[in-house]
PDB file of N, CA and C in Angstrom:
ATOM      1  N   MET A   1     -15.536 -23.447   0.120  1.00  0.00           N
ATOM      2  CA  MET A   1     -15.514 -22.443   1.178  1.00  0.00           C
ATOM      3  C   MET A   1     -14.073 -22.025   1.477  1.00  0.00           C
ATOM      4  N   ILE A   2     -13.179 -23.001   1.546  1.00  0.00           N
ATOM      5  CA  ILE A   2     -11.772 -22.681   1.800  1.00  0.00           C
ATOM      6  C   ILE A   2     -11.181 -21.907   0.619  1.00  0.00           C
ATOM      7  N   ILE A   3     -11.579 -22.285  -0.582  1.00  0.00           N
ATOM      8  CA  ILE A   3     -11.077 -21.589  -1.772  1.00  0.00           C
ATOM      9  C   ILE A   3     -11.577 -20.146  -1.773  1.00  0.00           C
ATOM     10  N   ASN A   4     -12.826 -19.949  -1.383  1.00  0.00           N
ATOM     11  CA  ASN A   4     -13.362 -18.597  -1.300  1.00  0.00           C
ATOM     12  C   ASN A   4     -12.588 -17.773  -0.287  1.00  0.00           C
ATOM     13  N   PHE A   5     -12.222 -18.385   0.826  1.00  0.00           N
ATOM     14  CA  PHE A   5     -11.465 -17.694   1.867  1.00  0.00           C
ATOM     15  C   PHE A   5     -10.091 -17.281   1.346  1.00  0.00           C
ATOM     16  N   ILE A   6      -9.444 -18.180   0.620  1.00  0.00           N
ATOM     17  CA  ILE A   6      -8.121 -17.875   0.062  1.00  0.00           C
ATOM     18  C   ILE A   6      -8.228 -16.748  -0.964  1.00  0.00           C
ATOM     19  N   ASN A   7      -9.232 -16.813  -1.809  1.00  0.00           N
ATOM     20  CA  ASN A   7      -9.421 -15.761  -2.804  1.00  0.00           C
ATOM     21  C   ASN A   7      -9.687 -14.422  -2.129  1.00  0.00           C
ATOM     22  N   PHE A   8     -10.472 -14.442  -1.073  1.00  0.00           N
ATOM     23  CA  PHE A   8     -10.816 -13.212  -0.366  1.00  0.00           C
ATOM     24  C   PHE A   8      -9.590 -12.604   0.289  1.00  0.00           C
ATOM     25  N   THR A   9      -8.797 -13.426   0.986  1.00  0.00           N
ATOM     26  CA  THR A   9      -7.626 -12.908   1.691  1.00  0.00           C
ATOM     27  C   THR A   9      -6.574 -12.404   0.708  1.00  0.00           C
ATOM     28  N   SER A  10      -6.367 -13.111  -0.385  1.00  0.00           N
ATOM     29  CA  SER A  10      -5.380 -12.668  -1.372  1.00  0.00           C
ATOM     30  C   SER A  10      -5.834 -11.364  -2.025  1.00  0.00           C
ATOM     31  N   PHE A  11      -7.144 -11.227  -2.230  1.00  0.00           N
ATOM     32  CA  PHE A  11      -7.683  -9.996  -2.800  1.00  0.00           C
ATOM     33  C   PHE A  11      -7.474  -8.828  -1.845  1.00  0.00           C
ATOM     34  N   ARG A  12      -7.740  -9.062  -0.549  1.00  0.00           N
ATOM     35  CA  ARG A  12      -7.551  -8.004   0.443  1.00  0.00           C
ATOM     36  C   ARG A  12      -6.081  -7.616   0.534  1.00  0.00           C
ATOM     37  N   PHE A  13      -5.198  -8.609   0.503  1.00  0.00           N
ATOM     38  CA  PHE A  13      -3.764  -8.339   0.567  1.00  0.00           C
ATOM     39  C   PHE A  13      -3.325  -7.508  -0.634  1.00  0.00           C
ATOM     40  N   LEU A  14      -3.835  -7.870  -1.808  1.00  0.00           N
ATOM     41  CA  LEU A  14      -3.508  -7.126  -3.021  1.00  0.00           C
ATOM     42  C   LEU A  14      -3.998  -5.685  -2.902  1.00  0.00           C
ATOM     43  N   GLN A  15      -5.207  -5.529  -2.365  1.00  0.00           N
ATOM     44  CA  GLN A  15      -5.788  -4.206  -2.209  1.00  0.00           C
ATOM     45  C   GLN A  15      -4.956  -3.361  -1.244  1.00  0.00           C
ATOM     46  N   TYR A  16      -4.612  -3.929  -0.087  1.00  0.00           N
ATOM     47  CA  TYR A  16      -3.846  -3.186   0.909  1.00  0.00           C
ATOM     48  C   TYR A  16      -2.463  -2.833   0.388  1.00  0.00           C
ATOM     49  N   SER A  17      -1.788  -3.769  -0.276  1.00  0.00           N
ATOM     50  CA  SER A  17      -0.438  -3.502  -0.779  1.00  0.00           C
ATOM     51  C   SER A  17      -0.468  -2.424  -1.859  1.00  0.00           C
ATOM     52  N   THR A  18      -1.541  -2.409  -2.663  1.00  0.00           N
ATOM     53  CA  THR A  18      -1.665  -1.375  -3.685  1.00  0.00           C
ATOM     54  C   THR A  18      -1.858  -0.012  -3.043  1.00  0.00           C
ATOM     55  N   ILE A  19      -2.701   0.053  -2.002  1.00  0.00           N
ATOM     56  CA  ILE A  19      -2.938   1.308  -1.293  1.00  0.00           C
ATOM     57  C   ILE A  19      -1.642   1.813  -0.664  1.00  0.00           C
ATOM     58  N   ILE A  20      -0.889   0.910  -0.036  1.00  0.00           N
ATOM     59  CA  ILE A  20       0.374   1.288   0.600  1.00  0.00           C
ATOM     60  C   ILE A  20       1.370   1.777  -0.453  1.00  0.00           C
ATOM     61  N   PHE A  21       1.416   1.100  -1.594  1.00  0.00           N
ATOM     62  CA  PHE A  21       2.339   1.490  -2.663  1.00  0.00           C
ATOM     63  C   PHE A  21       2.011   2.889  -3.170  1.00  0.00           C
ATOM     64  N   ILE A  22       0.735   3.161  -3.398  1.00  0.00           N
ATOM     65  CA  ILE A  22       0.311   4.474  -3.891  1.00  0.00           C
ATOM     66  C   ILE A  22       0.619   5.548  -2.851  1.00  0.00           C
ATOM     67  N   ARG A  23       0.382   5.241  -1.586  1.00  0.00           N
ATOM     68  CA  ARG A  23       0.625   6.201  -0.516  1.00  0.00           C
ATOM     69  C   ARG A  23       2.117   6.518  -0.403  1.00  0.00           C
ATOM     70  N   ASP A  24       2.956   5.474  -0.452  1.00  0.00           N
ATOM     71  CA  ASP A  24       4.402   5.686  -0.375  1.00  0.00           C
ATOM     72  C   ASP A  24       4.898   6.480  -1.583  1.00  0.00           C
ATOM     73  N   LYS A  25       4.354   6.178  -2.753  1.00  0.00           N
ATOM     74  CA  LYS A  25       4.749   6.883  -3.972  1.00  0.00           C
ATOM     75  C   LYS A  25       4.400   8.360  -3.843  1.00  0.00           C
ATOM     76  N   LYS A  26       3.275   8.644  -3.207  1.00  0.00           N
ATOM     77  CA  LYS A  26       2.869  10.026  -3.008  1.00  0.00           C
ATOM     78  C   LYS A  26       3.889  10.747  -2.119  1.00  0.00           C
ATOM     79  N   TYR A  27       4.365  10.066  -1.082  1.00  0.00           N
ATOM     80  CA  TYR A  27       5.358  10.656  -0.188  1.00  0.00           C
ATOM     81  C   TYR A  27       6.677  10.892  -0.924  1.00  0.00           C
ATOM     82  N   TYR A  28       7.079   9.919  -1.739  1.00  0.00           N
ATOM     83  CA  TYR A  28       8.357  10.029  -2.437  1.00  0.00           C
ATOM     84  C   TYR A  28       8.337  11.149  -3.473  1.00  0.00           C
ATOM     85  N   ASN A  29       7.156  11.468  -3.992  1.00  0.00           N
ATOM     86  CA  ASN A  29       7.052  12.502  -5.022  1.00  0.00           C
ATOM     87  C   ASN A  29       6.963  13.908  -4.437  1.00  0.00           C
ATOM     88  N   LEU A  30       6.988  14.022  -3.112  1.00  0.00           N
ATOM     89  CA  LEU A  30       6.957  15.341  -2.496  1.00  0.00           C
ATOM     90  C   LEU A  30       8.245  16.100  -2.804  1.00  0.00           C
ATOM     91  N   PRO A  31       8.232  17.428  -2.680  1.00  0.00           N
ATOM     92  CA  PRO A  31       9.440  18.229  -2.910  1.00  0.00           C
ATOM     93  C   PRO A  31      10.607  17.748  -2.058  1.00  0.00           C
ATOM     94  N   SER A  32      11.814  17.920  -2.558  1.00  0.00           N
ATOM     95  CA  SER A  32      13.000  17.398  -1.887  1.00  0.00           C
ATOM     96  C   SER A  32      13.230  18.078  -0.538  1.00  0.00           C
ATOM     97  N   GLY A  33      12.628  19.244  -0.319  1.00  0.00           N
ATOM     98  CA  GLY A  33      12.801  19.945   0.943  1.00  0.00           C
ATOM     99  C   GLY A  33      12.057  19.276   2.086  1.00  0.00           C
ATOM    100  N   TYR A  34      11.127  18.376   1.744  1.00  0.00           N
ATOM    101  CA  TYR A  34      10.332  17.701   2.773  1.00  0.00           C
ATOM    102  C   TYR A  34      11.152  16.598   3.421  1.00  0.00           C
ATOM    103  N   ASP A  35      11.181  16.582   4.759  1.00  0.00           N
ATOM    104  CA  ASP A  35      11.977  15.583   5.476  1.00  0.00           C
ATOM    105  C   ASP A  35      11.170  14.299   5.624  1.00  0.00           C
ATOM    106  N   THR A  36      11.498  13.272   4.840  1.00  0.00           N
ATOM    107  CA  THR A  36      10.746  12.018   4.877  1.00  0.00           C
ATOM    108  C   THR A  36      11.037  11.233   6.143  1.00  0.00           C
ATOM    109  N   GLN A  37      12.185  11.473   6.774  1.00  0.00           N
ATOM    110  CA  GLN A  37      12.534  10.717   7.975  1.00  0.00           C
ATOM    111  C   GLN A  37      11.664  11.133   9.157  1.00  0.00           C
ATOM    112  N   LYS A  38      11.094  12.331   9.101  1.00  0.00           N
ATOM    113  CA  LYS A  38      10.313  12.840  10.231  1.00  0.00           C
ATOM    114  C   LYS A  38       9.020  12.044  10.408  1.00  0.00           C
ATOM    115  N   SER A  39       8.441  11.600   9.299  1.00  0.00           N
ATOM    116  CA  SER A  39       7.197  10.845   9.371  1.00  0.00           C
ATOM    117  C   SER A  39       7.495   9.380   9.643  1.00  0.00           C
TER     118      SER A  39
END
């Protein structure tokens, strides 16, 4: 049960970090005229 919990939390962390990475990459790929500091 504890092992399942660890696997679940690590999986969720991996999922969230991947989503954040993709989202940030999307922001960085915007045109240079876009002010990233505003967001």
